[in-house]
N, C-alpha and C. Protein backbone atom coordinates (compact mmCIF):
# COMPACT_ATOMS: atom_id res chain seq x y z
N MET A 1 -51.56 -72.17 63.41
CA MET A 1 -50.59 -71.14 63.15
C MET A 1 -51.55 -69.94 62.54
N ASN A 2 -51.76 -70.28 61.37
CA ASN A 2 -52.36 -69.23 60.74
C ASN A 2 -53.77 -68.80 61.38
N GLU A 3 -54.48 -69.97 61.84
CA GLU A 3 -55.78 -69.57 62.52
C GLU A 3 -55.86 -68.81 63.89
N SER A 4 -54.51 -69.20 64.69
CA SER A 4 -54.35 -68.79 65.65
C SER A 4 -53.81 -66.99 65.22
N LEU A 5 -53.20 -66.78 64.39
CA LEU A 5 -52.80 -65.37 64.06
C LEU A 5 -54.12 -64.75 63.42
N LEU A 6 -55.08 -64.99 62.76
CA LEU A 6 -56.15 -64.61 62.02
C LEU A 6 -57.14 -64.38 63.49
N ARG A 7 -57.16 -65.29 64.49
CA ARG A 7 -58.28 -65.12 65.80
C ARG A 7 -57.30 -63.65 66.42
N ALA A 8 -56.11 -63.73 66.74
CA ALA A 8 -55.43 -62.88 67.08
C ALA A 8 -55.57 -61.22 66.70
N PHE A 9 -55.67 -61.40 65.41
CA PHE A 9 -55.95 -60.28 64.53
C PHE A 9 -57.19 -59.79 64.74
N CYS A 10 -58.27 -60.55 64.48
CA CYS A 10 -59.45 -60.33 64.90
C CYS A 10 -60.00 -59.71 66.20
N GLU A 11 -59.36 -60.49 67.23
CA GLU A 11 -59.63 -59.86 68.32
C GLU A 11 -58.76 -58.66 68.99
N SER A 12 -57.98 -58.44 68.29
CA SER A 12 -56.92 -57.13 68.64
C SER A 12 -57.70 -55.84 68.41
N ASN A 13 -57.57 -54.86 69.52
CA ASN A 13 -58.08 -53.64 69.48
C ASN A 13 -57.48 -52.54 68.39
N HIS A 14 -56.32 -53.02 68.03
CA HIS A 14 -55.44 -52.23 67.07
C HIS A 14 -55.74 -52.66 65.38
N ARG A 15 -56.93 -53.48 65.24
CA ARG A 15 -57.12 -54.16 63.96
C ARG A 15 -57.46 -53.08 62.80
N GLN A 16 -58.05 -51.90 63.25
CA GLN A 16 -58.53 -50.92 62.23
C GLN A 16 -57.10 -50.38 61.87
N LEU A 17 -56.32 -49.66 62.70
CA LEU A 17 -54.94 -49.32 62.40
C LEU A 17 -54.06 -50.16 61.49
N ILE A 18 -54.17 -51.64 61.90
CA ILE A 18 -53.17 -52.43 61.03
C ILE A 18 -53.92 -52.22 59.60
N VAL A 19 -55.15 -52.53 59.61
CA VAL A 19 -56.07 -52.65 58.22
C VAL A 19 -55.48 -51.06 57.33
N ALA A 20 -55.47 -50.21 58.13
CA ALA A 20 -55.35 -48.91 57.47
C ALA A 20 -53.95 -48.77 57.13
N ILE A 21 -52.99 -49.28 57.91
CA ILE A 21 -51.71 -49.27 57.43
C ILE A 21 -51.15 -50.37 56.27
N VAL A 22 -51.72 -51.35 56.28
CA VAL A 22 -51.64 -52.19 55.26
C VAL A 22 -52.32 -51.70 53.91
N THR A 23 -53.48 -51.21 54.14
CA THR A 23 -54.09 -50.44 52.91
C THR A 23 -53.28 -49.70 52.15
N THR A 24 -52.75 -48.62 53.05
CA THR A 24 -52.00 -47.80 52.95
C THR A 24 -50.83 -47.97 52.12
N LEU A 25 -49.81 -49.17 52.58
CA LEU A 25 -48.74 -49.50 51.96
C LEU A 25 -49.01 -50.30 50.65
N ALA A 26 -50.23 -51.09 50.50
CA ALA A 26 -50.35 -51.49 49.37
C ALA A 26 -50.80 -50.57 48.34
N GLY A 27 -51.33 -49.31 48.93
CA GLY A 27 -51.56 -48.13 47.68
C GLY A 27 -50.53 -47.67 47.20
N LEU A 28 -49.42 -47.18 48.29
CA LEU A 28 -48.37 -46.81 47.89
C LEU A 28 -47.52 -47.76 46.79
N VAL A 29 -47.67 -49.05 47.05
CA VAL A 29 -46.91 -49.76 46.11
C VAL A 29 -47.54 -49.85 45.02
N VAL A 30 -48.59 -49.71 44.54
CA VAL A 30 -49.46 -49.57 43.27
C VAL A 30 -49.23 -48.10 42.74
N LEU A 31 -49.33 -47.01 43.55
CA LEU A 31 -49.52 -45.73 43.00
C LEU A 31 -48.27 -45.14 42.79
N VAL A 32 -47.09 -45.57 43.43
CA VAL A 32 -45.76 -44.92 43.26
C VAL A 32 -45.39 -45.13 41.76
N PRO A 33 -45.43 -46.36 41.09
CA PRO A 33 -45.03 -46.28 39.80
C PRO A 33 -45.78 -45.77 39.08
N LEU A 34 -47.09 -45.71 39.19
CA LEU A 34 -48.25 -44.71 38.37
C LEU A 34 -47.80 -43.53 38.51
N VAL A 35 -47.37 -42.74 39.54
CA VAL A 35 -47.06 -41.57 39.76
C VAL A 35 -45.89 -41.11 38.91
N ASP A 36 -44.73 -42.02 39.07
CA ASP A 36 -43.52 -41.84 38.30
C ASP A 36 -44.04 -41.96 36.62
N ASP A 37 -44.64 -42.71 36.34
CA ASP A 37 -45.21 -42.90 35.02
C ASP A 37 -45.85 -41.84 34.42
N TYR A 38 -46.54 -41.18 35.27
CA TYR A 38 -47.30 -39.94 34.80
C TYR A 38 -46.48 -38.57 34.86
N PHE A 39 -45.48 -38.54 35.64
CA PHE A 39 -44.51 -37.42 35.33
C PHE A 39 -43.55 -37.57 34.55
N ASP A 40 -43.02 -38.83 33.94
CA ASP A 40 -42.55 -39.13 33.07
C ASP A 40 -43.17 -38.88 31.67
N LYS A 41 -44.52 -39.16 31.51
CA LYS A 41 -45.24 -38.74 30.35
C LYS A 41 -45.55 -37.57 30.12
N ARG A 42 -45.89 -36.73 31.60
CA ARG A 42 -45.88 -35.34 31.38
C ARG A 42 -44.69 -34.72 30.79
N GLU A 43 -43.41 -34.92 31.42
CA GLU A 43 -42.27 -34.44 31.02
C GLU A 43 -41.96 -34.69 29.24
N SER A 44 -42.27 -35.86 28.88
CA SER A 44 -42.22 -36.22 27.55
C SER A 44 -43.23 -35.20 26.84
N ARG A 45 -44.29 -35.21 27.20
CA ARG A 45 -45.39 -34.44 26.42
C ARG A 45 -45.01 -32.77 26.32
N ARG A 46 -44.25 -32.36 27.44
CA ARG A 46 -43.74 -31.09 27.46
C ARG A 46 -42.57 -30.90 26.49
N THR A 47 -41.56 -31.86 26.43
CA THR A 47 -40.57 -31.87 25.51
C THR A 47 -41.02 -32.06 24.01
N LEU A 48 -42.21 -32.78 23.84
CA LEU A 48 -42.49 -32.99 22.46
C LEU A 48 -43.20 -31.59 22.08
N ARG A 49 -44.07 -30.93 22.94
CA ARG A 49 -44.64 -29.55 22.53
C ARG A 49 -43.52 -28.68 22.45
N GLU A 50 -42.50 -28.55 23.10
CA GLU A 50 -41.42 -27.57 22.70
C GLU A 50 -40.98 -28.07 21.20
N ASP A 51 -40.62 -29.32 21.06
CA ASP A 51 -40.18 -29.69 19.41
C ASP A 51 -40.95 -29.38 18.73
N LEU A 52 -42.34 -29.30 18.90
CA LEU A 52 -43.30 -29.07 17.89
C LEU A 52 -43.23 -27.48 17.75
N ASP A 53 -43.21 -26.71 18.84
CA ASP A 53 -43.06 -25.17 18.72
C ASP A 53 -41.97 -24.90 17.75
N ARG A 54 -40.64 -25.45 17.98
CA ARG A 54 -39.56 -25.13 17.45
C ARG A 54 -39.56 -25.58 15.70
N ALA A 55 -40.22 -26.57 15.73
CA ALA A 55 -40.41 -27.05 14.26
C ALA A 55 -41.55 -26.17 13.54
N ARG A 56 -42.20 -25.53 14.19
CA ARG A 56 -43.09 -24.56 13.54
C ARG A 56 -42.29 -23.25 13.31
N GLU A 57 -41.74 -22.89 14.11
CA GLU A 57 -40.79 -21.72 14.23
C GLU A 57 -39.89 -21.86 12.95
N THR A 58 -39.13 -23.21 13.04
CA THR A 58 -38.46 -23.34 11.71
C THR A 58 -38.97 -23.36 10.34
N GLU A 59 -40.28 -23.96 10.53
CA GLU A 59 -41.04 -23.91 9.04
C GLU A 59 -41.49 -22.39 8.74
N LEU A 60 -41.55 -21.62 9.56
CA LEU A 60 -41.85 -19.94 9.17
C LEU A 60 -40.78 -19.44 8.90
N THR A 61 -39.53 -19.66 9.15
CA THR A 61 -38.34 -19.27 8.89
C THR A 61 -37.50 -19.56 7.67
N LEU A 62 -37.91 -20.99 7.42
CA LEU A 62 -37.36 -21.96 6.37
C LEU A 62 -37.33 -20.92 5.01
N PRO A 63 -38.10 -20.50 4.64
CA PRO A 63 -38.29 -19.79 3.45
C PRO A 63 -37.03 -18.69 3.22
N ALA A 64 -37.21 -17.80 4.56
CA ALA A 64 -36.02 -17.16 4.54
C ALA A 64 -34.56 -17.47 4.40
N PHE A 65 -34.24 -18.49 5.11
CA PHE A 65 -33.03 -19.24 5.06
C PHE A 65 -32.89 -19.59 3.73
N GLU A 66 -33.83 -20.47 3.25
CA GLU A 66 -33.63 -20.89 1.83
C GLU A 66 -33.16 -19.78 0.87
N LYS A 67 -33.87 -18.68 0.80
CA LYS A 67 -33.68 -17.43 0.16
C LYS A 67 -32.09 -17.06 0.35
N ARG A 68 -31.82 -16.80 1.53
CA ARG A 68 -30.34 -16.33 1.82
C ARG A 68 -29.43 -17.51 1.40
N VAL A 69 -29.84 -18.48 1.62
CA VAL A 69 -28.64 -19.76 0.87
C VAL A 69 -28.54 -19.44 -0.45
N ALA A 70 -29.71 -19.41 -1.08
CA ALA A 70 -29.62 -19.22 -2.75
C ALA A 70 -28.78 -18.04 -2.87
N GLU A 71 -28.89 -16.90 -2.33
CA GLU A 71 -28.31 -15.72 -2.82
C GLU A 71 -26.72 -16.17 -2.39
N LEU A 72 -26.26 -16.55 -1.19
CA LEU A 72 -25.03 -16.85 -1.06
C LEU A 72 -24.44 -17.85 -2.12
N GLU A 73 -25.11 -18.74 -2.51
CA GLU A 73 -24.65 -19.67 -3.76
C GLU A 73 -24.44 -19.14 -4.69
N ALA A 74 -25.21 -18.04 -5.18
CA ALA A 74 -25.36 -17.16 -6.43
C ALA A 74 -24.15 -16.46 -6.51
N THR A 75 -24.00 -15.84 -5.25
CA THR A 75 -22.40 -15.00 -5.07
C THR A 75 -21.35 -15.63 -4.98
N ALA A 76 -21.48 -17.02 -4.50
CA ALA A 76 -19.91 -17.62 -4.76
C ALA A 76 -19.83 -18.17 -6.00
N GLN A 77 -20.81 -18.56 -6.73
CA GLN A 77 -20.77 -18.97 -8.07
C GLN A 77 -20.26 -17.93 -9.11
N GLN A 78 -20.89 -16.57 -8.65
CA GLN A 78 -20.33 -15.72 -9.40
C GLN A 78 -18.92 -15.47 -9.29
N LEU A 79 -18.58 -15.35 -8.04
CA LEU A 79 -16.93 -15.29 -7.90
C LEU A 79 -16.08 -16.44 -8.40
N GLU A 80 -16.75 -17.53 -8.18
CA GLU A 80 -15.93 -18.62 -8.97
C GLU A 80 -15.67 -18.57 -10.62
N ASP A 81 -16.80 -18.17 -10.98
CA ASP A 81 -16.94 -17.99 -12.55
C ASP A 81 -15.81 -16.84 -12.82
N ARG A 82 -15.04 -15.88 -11.88
CA ARG A 82 -14.37 -14.94 -12.41
C ARG A 82 -12.60 -15.65 -11.64
N THR A 83 -12.65 -16.79 -11.32
CA THR A 83 -11.44 -17.40 -11.06
C THR A 83 -10.88 -18.20 -12.21
N VAL A 84 -9.38 -18.46 -12.10
CA VAL A 84 -8.79 -19.23 -13.08
C VAL A 84 -8.12 -20.51 -12.78
N SER A 85 -8.67 -21.46 -12.70
CA SER A 85 -8.15 -22.96 -12.01
C SER A 85 -7.03 -23.24 -13.16
N ASP A 86 -6.68 -24.55 -12.78
CA ASP A 86 -5.96 -25.41 -13.76
C ASP A 86 -6.78 -25.60 -14.81
N ALA A 87 -8.12 -26.10 -14.62
CA ALA A 87 -8.94 -26.29 -15.80
C ALA A 87 -9.24 -25.13 -16.55
N LEU A 88 -9.05 -23.96 -16.29
CA LEU A 88 -9.67 -22.81 -17.18
C LEU A 88 -8.51 -22.19 -17.69
N VAL A 89 -7.27 -22.40 -17.39
CA VAL A 89 -6.02 -21.78 -17.97
C VAL A 89 -5.98 -21.37 -19.24
N SER A 90 -6.27 -22.56 -19.98
CA SER A 90 -6.35 -22.72 -21.55
C SER A 90 -7.36 -21.59 -21.97
N GLN A 91 -8.63 -21.80 -21.50
CA GLN A 91 -9.66 -20.73 -21.92
C GLN A 91 -9.04 -19.49 -21.74
N TYR A 92 -8.74 -18.86 -20.63
CA TYR A 92 -8.23 -17.74 -20.16
C TYR A 92 -7.39 -17.29 -21.33
N ARG A 93 -6.13 -18.00 -21.57
CA ARG A 93 -5.19 -17.68 -22.40
C ARG A 93 -5.93 -17.65 -23.82
N THR A 94 -6.85 -18.18 -24.39
CA THR A 94 -7.47 -18.16 -25.54
C THR A 94 -8.39 -16.67 -25.39
N ASN A 95 -8.81 -16.23 -24.48
CA ASN A 95 -9.56 -14.87 -24.37
C ASN A 95 -8.79 -13.97 -24.27
N LEU A 96 -7.58 -13.96 -23.55
CA LEU A 96 -6.45 -12.77 -23.88
C LEU A 96 -5.92 -12.60 -25.20
N MET A 97 -5.79 -13.62 -25.78
CA MET A 97 -5.40 -13.44 -27.13
C MET A 97 -6.42 -12.93 -27.97
N GLU A 98 -7.41 -13.21 -27.74
CA GLU A 98 -8.66 -12.62 -28.75
C GLU A 98 -8.89 -11.04 -28.30
N MET A 99 -8.52 -10.80 -26.91
CA MET A 99 -8.49 -9.30 -26.49
C MET A 99 -7.30 -8.67 -27.22
N VAL A 100 -6.38 -9.31 -27.30
CA VAL A 100 -5.02 -8.29 -27.74
C VAL A 100 -5.56 -8.41 -29.55
N ARG A 101 -5.84 -9.28 -29.99
CA ARG A 101 -6.29 -9.32 -31.59
C ARG A 101 -7.31 -8.04 -31.75
N GLN A 102 -8.44 -7.88 -31.01
CA GLN A 102 -9.38 -7.04 -30.90
C GLN A 102 -8.75 -5.74 -30.86
N ALA A 103 -7.73 -5.51 -29.87
CA ALA A 103 -7.31 -4.35 -29.89
C ALA A 103 -6.37 -3.77 -30.63
N GLY A 104 -5.85 -4.71 -31.61
CA GLY A 104 -5.11 -4.44 -32.73
C GLY A 104 -3.68 -4.32 -32.28
N CYS A 105 -3.08 -5.12 -31.50
CA CYS A 105 -1.77 -5.31 -31.16
C CYS A 105 -1.49 -6.61 -31.48
N GLN A 106 -0.13 -6.80 -31.41
CA GLN A 106 0.58 -8.07 -31.50
C GLN A 106 1.17 -8.81 -30.59
N VAL A 107 1.11 -10.12 -30.31
CA VAL A 107 1.56 -10.88 -28.80
C VAL A 107 3.34 -10.94 -29.47
N ARG A 108 3.83 -10.93 -28.48
CA ARG A 108 5.43 -11.16 -28.53
C ARG A 108 5.59 -12.13 -27.95
N ARG A 109 5.14 -12.09 -26.61
CA ARG A 109 5.26 -13.26 -25.47
C ARG A 109 4.00 -13.58 -24.61
N LEU A 110 3.73 -14.62 -24.61
CA LEU A 110 2.63 -14.98 -23.72
C LEU A 110 3.06 -16.21 -22.80
N GLU A 111 3.39 -16.45 -21.65
CA GLU A 111 3.68 -17.47 -20.73
C GLU A 111 2.73 -17.66 -19.36
N VAL A 112 2.38 -18.65 -19.34
CA VAL A 112 1.83 -19.06 -17.93
C VAL A 112 2.50 -19.89 -17.22
N GLY A 113 2.65 -19.39 -15.69
CA GLY A 113 3.61 -20.37 -15.05
C GLY A 113 2.53 -21.23 -14.17
N GLY A 114 3.43 -22.16 -13.33
CA GLY A 114 2.90 -23.24 -12.75
C GLY A 114 2.15 -22.51 -11.50
N SER A 115 1.32 -23.26 -10.97
CA SER A 115 0.57 -22.77 -9.94
C SER A 115 0.99 -23.05 -8.71
N ALA A 116 0.80 -22.13 -7.58
CA ALA A 116 1.57 -22.29 -6.16
C ALA A 116 0.37 -22.33 -5.59
N HIS A 117 0.45 -23.10 -4.16
CA HIS A 117 -0.73 -23.40 -3.28
C HIS A 117 -0.37 -23.19 -1.99
N ARG A 118 -1.19 -22.79 -1.43
CA ARG A 118 -1.12 -22.45 0.35
C ARG A 118 -2.35 -22.50 0.76
N PRO A 119 -2.62 -22.92 2.26
CA PRO A 119 -3.99 -22.98 2.57
C PRO A 119 -4.57 -21.64 2.61
N TRP A 120 -5.92 -21.61 2.90
CA TRP A 120 -6.88 -20.11 2.73
C TRP A 120 -7.23 -20.25 4.32
N LEU A 121 -7.18 -19.16 4.75
CA LEU A 121 -7.65 -18.77 6.08
C LEU A 121 -8.73 -17.86 6.01
N GLU A 122 -9.41 -17.77 7.05
CA GLU A 122 -10.28 -16.85 7.05
C GLU A 122 -9.75 -15.21 7.36
N GLU A 123 -10.45 -14.02 6.65
CA GLU A 123 -9.82 -12.95 6.36
C GLU A 123 -8.53 -13.07 5.88
N ASP A 124 -8.28 -13.83 4.91
CA ASP A 124 -7.05 -13.78 4.24
C ASP A 124 -6.86 -13.08 3.06
N ASN A 125 -5.49 -12.69 2.62
CA ASN A 125 -5.47 -11.73 1.62
C ASN A 125 -4.67 -12.53 0.42
N PRO A 126 -5.15 -12.86 -0.76
CA PRO A 126 -4.48 -13.59 -1.70
C PRO A 126 -3.53 -13.04 -2.27
N LEU A 127 -2.98 -11.64 -1.72
CA LEU A 127 -1.83 -11.15 -2.47
C LEU A 127 -0.46 -11.36 -1.65
N GLN A 128 -0.95 -12.11 -0.17
CA GLN A 128 0.38 -12.46 0.65
C GLN A 128 0.62 -13.89 0.00
N ALA A 129 2.02 -14.05 0.02
CA ALA A 129 2.68 -15.29 -0.05
C ALA A 129 2.38 -16.21 0.82
N THR A 130 2.34 -15.86 1.83
CA THR A 130 2.01 -16.77 3.03
C THR A 130 0.67 -16.57 3.83
N ALA A 131 0.03 -17.74 4.46
CA ALA A 131 -1.06 -17.12 5.37
C ALA A 131 -0.72 -16.03 6.55
N PRO A 132 -2.01 -15.19 6.48
CA PRO A 132 -1.78 -13.97 7.36
C PRO A 132 -1.10 -14.35 8.88
N THR A 133 -1.79 -15.12 9.69
CA THR A 133 -1.61 -15.54 10.83
C THR A 133 -1.60 -16.87 11.40
N PRO A 134 -0.71 -17.66 11.82
CA PRO A 134 -1.00 -18.98 12.15
C PRO A 134 -2.07 -19.09 13.11
N THR A 135 -2.73 -18.41 13.85
CA THR A 135 -3.86 -18.44 14.49
C THR A 135 -5.26 -18.25 13.95
N ALA A 136 -5.14 -17.73 12.61
CA ALA A 136 -6.35 -17.51 12.07
C ALA A 136 -7.22 -18.85 11.75
N ASN A 137 -8.67 -18.68 11.58
CA ASN A 137 -9.41 -19.88 11.34
C ASN A 137 -9.06 -20.50 9.90
N LYS A 138 -8.82 -21.74 10.12
CA LYS A 138 -8.62 -22.59 8.73
C LYS A 138 -10.03 -22.60 7.94
N THR A 139 -9.99 -22.72 6.56
CA THR A 139 -11.06 -23.29 5.98
C THR A 139 -10.77 -24.30 5.19
N PRO A 140 -11.86 -24.92 4.30
CA PRO A 140 -11.43 -26.42 3.71
C PRO A 140 -10.79 -26.06 2.35
N PHE A 141 -10.44 -24.76 1.90
CA PHE A 141 -9.95 -24.32 0.70
C PHE A 141 -8.16 -24.12 0.62
N GLN A 142 -7.73 -24.24 -0.57
CA GLN A 142 -6.39 -23.86 -0.80
C GLN A 142 -6.37 -22.77 -1.59
N LEU A 143 -5.69 -21.90 -1.58
CA LEU A 143 -5.54 -20.81 -2.64
C LEU A 143 -4.28 -20.99 -3.65
N GLU A 144 -5.03 -20.93 -4.75
CA GLU A 144 -4.21 -21.43 -6.18
C GLU A 144 -3.90 -20.19 -6.91
N ARG A 145 -2.70 -20.05 -7.03
CA ARG A 145 -2.05 -18.87 -7.52
C ARG A 145 -0.92 -19.04 -8.71
N ARG A 146 -1.27 -18.30 -9.95
CA ARG A 146 -0.25 -18.45 -11.04
C ARG A 146 0.02 -17.20 -11.68
N SER A 147 1.38 -16.99 -12.12
CA SER A 147 1.55 -15.65 -12.83
C SER A 147 1.47 -15.96 -14.54
N LEU A 148 1.08 -14.82 -15.13
CA LEU A 148 1.02 -14.91 -16.39
C LEU A 148 1.59 -13.59 -16.71
N ASN A 149 2.73 -14.03 -17.77
CA ASN A 149 3.38 -12.77 -18.50
C ASN A 149 3.11 -12.60 -19.69
N LEU A 150 2.85 -11.40 -20.23
CA LEU A 150 2.30 -10.94 -21.37
C LEU A 150 2.94 -9.81 -21.84
N SER A 151 3.58 -9.86 -23.22
CA SER A 151 4.45 -8.78 -23.68
C SER A 151 3.68 -8.49 -24.99
N VAL A 152 3.26 -7.45 -25.42
CA VAL A 152 2.63 -7.27 -26.88
C VAL A 152 3.11 -5.69 -27.39
N ASP A 153 2.96 -5.87 -28.98
CA ASP A 153 3.36 -4.60 -29.33
C ASP A 153 2.24 -3.91 -30.18
N GLY A 154 2.18 -2.61 -30.33
CA GLY A 154 1.31 -1.93 -31.01
C GLY A 154 1.12 -0.63 -30.93
N GLU A 155 0.38 0.28 -31.31
CA GLU A 155 0.36 1.91 -31.60
C GLU A 155 -0.26 2.13 -30.10
N MET A 156 0.09 3.15 -29.35
CA MET A 156 -0.40 3.54 -28.22
C MET A 156 -1.84 3.41 -28.07
N ALA A 157 -2.49 3.97 -29.08
CA ALA A 157 -4.01 3.79 -29.19
C ALA A 157 -4.62 2.25 -28.71
N ASN A 158 -3.92 1.43 -29.63
CA ASN A 158 -4.41 0.16 -29.22
C ASN A 158 -3.88 -0.45 -28.05
N ILE A 159 -2.70 -0.32 -27.55
CA ILE A 159 -2.47 -0.54 -26.19
C ILE A 159 -3.35 -0.05 -25.22
N HIS A 160 -3.69 1.21 -25.59
CA HIS A 160 -4.72 2.04 -24.70
C HIS A 160 -6.06 1.18 -24.61
N ASN A 161 -6.40 0.56 -25.76
CA ASN A 161 -7.55 -0.36 -26.10
C ASN A 161 -7.38 -1.53 -25.30
N LEU A 162 -6.34 -2.17 -25.32
CA LEU A 162 -6.26 -3.15 -24.43
C LEU A 162 -6.16 -3.24 -23.01
N LEU A 163 -5.82 -2.32 -22.47
CA LEU A 163 -5.65 -1.96 -21.09
C LEU A 163 -7.11 -2.02 -20.59
N GLU A 164 -7.82 -1.01 -21.71
CA GLU A 164 -9.46 -0.78 -21.30
C GLU A 164 -10.27 -2.23 -21.10
N GLN A 165 -9.83 -2.92 -21.96
CA GLN A 165 -10.52 -4.36 -22.16
C GLN A 165 -10.08 -5.26 -20.99
N LEU A 166 -8.70 -5.31 -20.49
CA LEU A 166 -8.35 -5.99 -19.24
C LEU A 166 -9.14 -5.37 -18.05
N GLU A 167 -9.06 -3.97 -18.15
CA GLU A 167 -9.98 -3.40 -16.98
C GLU A 167 -11.51 -3.81 -16.89
N GLN A 168 -12.10 -3.95 -17.99
CA GLN A 168 -13.48 -4.51 -18.20
C GLN A 168 -13.80 -5.76 -17.86
N ASP A 169 -12.66 -6.69 -17.98
CA ASP A 169 -12.83 -8.08 -17.78
C ASP A 169 -12.90 -8.33 -16.34
N LYS A 170 -14.15 -9.35 -16.38
CA LYS A 170 -14.41 -9.93 -14.90
C LYS A 170 -13.81 -10.75 -13.92
N THR A 171 -12.46 -11.28 -14.94
CA THR A 171 -11.82 -12.35 -14.48
C THR A 171 -10.91 -11.76 -12.98
N ILE A 172 -10.62 -12.37 -12.08
CA ILE A 172 -9.99 -11.81 -10.95
C ILE A 172 -8.41 -12.09 -11.15
N ALA A 173 -8.03 -11.07 -11.81
CA ALA A 173 -6.48 -10.75 -12.12
C ALA A 173 -6.02 -9.59 -11.67
N TYR A 174 -4.71 -9.87 -10.82
CA TYR A 174 -4.13 -8.61 -10.26
C TYR A 174 -2.79 -8.44 -11.03
N PRO A 175 -2.65 -6.75 -11.51
CA PRO A 175 -1.70 -6.72 -12.33
C PRO A 175 -0.18 -6.33 -11.46
N ARG A 176 0.30 -7.31 -11.12
CA ARG A 176 1.64 -7.60 -10.46
C ARG A 176 2.56 -6.48 -11.09
N ARG A 177 2.78 -6.34 -12.37
CA ARG A 177 4.08 -5.54 -12.83
C ARG A 177 3.34 -5.18 -14.16
N VAL A 178 3.54 -3.89 -14.63
CA VAL A 178 3.13 -3.29 -15.68
C VAL A 178 4.43 -2.38 -16.28
N GLN A 179 5.06 -2.79 -17.35
CA GLN A 179 5.95 -1.68 -17.99
C GLN A 179 5.70 -1.36 -19.62
N LEU A 180 5.76 0.01 -19.80
CA LEU A 180 5.39 0.54 -21.04
C LEU A 180 6.53 1.01 -21.66
N HIS A 181 7.24 0.84 -22.83
CA HIS A 181 8.30 1.44 -23.25
C HIS A 181 8.07 1.40 -24.61
N SER A 182 9.13 2.38 -25.41
CA SER A 182 8.63 2.72 -26.99
C SER A 182 9.32 1.64 -27.57
N ALA A 183 8.92 1.27 -28.66
CA ALA A 183 9.40 0.16 -29.34
C ALA A 183 9.91 0.82 -30.75
N GLY A 184 11.41 0.27 -31.07
CA GLY A 184 11.79 0.33 -32.03
C GLY A 184 12.20 1.99 -32.47
N GLY A 185 12.17 2.71 -31.33
CA GLY A 185 12.58 4.29 -31.39
C GLY A 185 11.31 4.97 -31.91
N ARG A 186 10.34 4.46 -32.23
CA ARG A 186 8.94 5.44 -32.66
C ARG A 186 8.29 5.53 -31.59
N GLY A 187 7.92 6.72 -31.45
CA GLY A 187 7.16 7.33 -30.36
C GLY A 187 5.77 6.71 -30.54
N ALA A 188 5.04 6.58 -31.63
CA ALA A 188 3.62 6.14 -31.59
C ALA A 188 3.39 4.75 -31.50
N SER A 189 4.61 3.84 -31.44
CA SER A 189 4.56 2.47 -31.30
C SER A 189 5.06 2.21 -29.92
N ALA A 190 4.67 1.15 -29.22
CA ALA A 190 5.10 0.73 -27.97
C ALA A 190 5.10 -0.54 -27.64
N THR A 191 5.86 -1.18 -26.38
CA THR A 191 5.73 -2.34 -25.95
C THR A 191 5.13 -2.38 -24.67
N LEU A 192 4.11 -3.13 -24.37
CA LEU A 192 3.64 -3.50 -23.07
C LEU A 192 3.81 -4.76 -22.65
N GLU A 193 4.44 -4.71 -21.43
CA GLU A 193 4.74 -5.97 -20.55
C GLU A 193 4.18 -5.93 -19.31
N LEU A 194 3.47 -7.06 -19.30
CA LEU A 194 2.54 -7.25 -18.16
C LEU A 194 2.48 -8.43 -17.52
N GLU A 195 2.53 -8.53 -16.06
CA GLU A 195 2.49 -9.78 -15.09
C GLU A 195 1.39 -9.61 -14.46
N LEU A 196 0.59 -10.90 -14.54
CA LEU A 196 -0.79 -10.60 -14.17
C LEU A 196 -1.01 -12.03 -12.68
N TRP A 197 -1.37 -11.68 -11.87
CA TRP A 197 -1.67 -12.96 -10.93
C TRP A 197 -3.19 -13.57 -10.96
N LEU A 198 -3.17 -14.73 -11.51
CA LEU A 198 -4.69 -15.34 -11.32
C LEU A 198 -4.61 -16.31 -10.31
N PHE A 199 -5.97 -16.16 -9.84
CA PHE A 199 -6.28 -16.77 -8.53
C PHE A 199 -7.61 -17.86 -8.62
N ALA A 200 -7.52 -18.81 -7.92
CA ALA A 200 -8.36 -19.71 -7.49
C ALA A 200 -8.59 -20.29 -6.13
N LEU A 201 -9.84 -20.64 -5.76
CA LEU A 201 -9.99 -21.53 -4.39
C LEU A 201 -10.31 -22.79 -4.98
N ILE A 202 -9.47 -23.92 -4.36
CA ILE A 202 -9.99 -25.10 -4.56
C ILE A 202 -9.98 -25.93 -3.30
N ARG A 203 -10.83 -27.09 -3.07
CA ARG A 203 -10.85 -27.86 -1.87
C ARG A 203 -9.71 -28.95 -2.19
């Protein structure tokens, strides 16, 4: 059977065409995977080149980004240093007592209330009791706010000095209420009653 097929093939007038077709098919069977592999490798090479170009661009811009991050971190730290959290209430109270003493006034009352918390949103206002809008973007922070009530006696010049010290103090403290009235019917002596709102952002 095999010899007869071989003899028929050799005697056939179309044997050259058959050989060409078989050779072509064999070549396709071998070449098609190689072509696919070639295009895959060329695409991988193009992707790697693009990644390398982006890495080089990142490397060039990285110092500027690092500088900007450092500036933002420094600004955030400066703002954080001006806030009064639970851990810093005692220190702020001590500093306030020292300011009163240096101004020559006497403390009648100094009370620090408990803290109130609410979510801190983007473009928020710390003076609002509630968040600005329910659709505002959230942040990972909570706004912590507490009231400090201070009442001092002193000569008008001393009270003026105390108010100047409070104004120059870098602590973020909002004067919610300020009252000044004569003490003991003497015009030179007065009582200052002050309510401050103290703030902090906590995670």
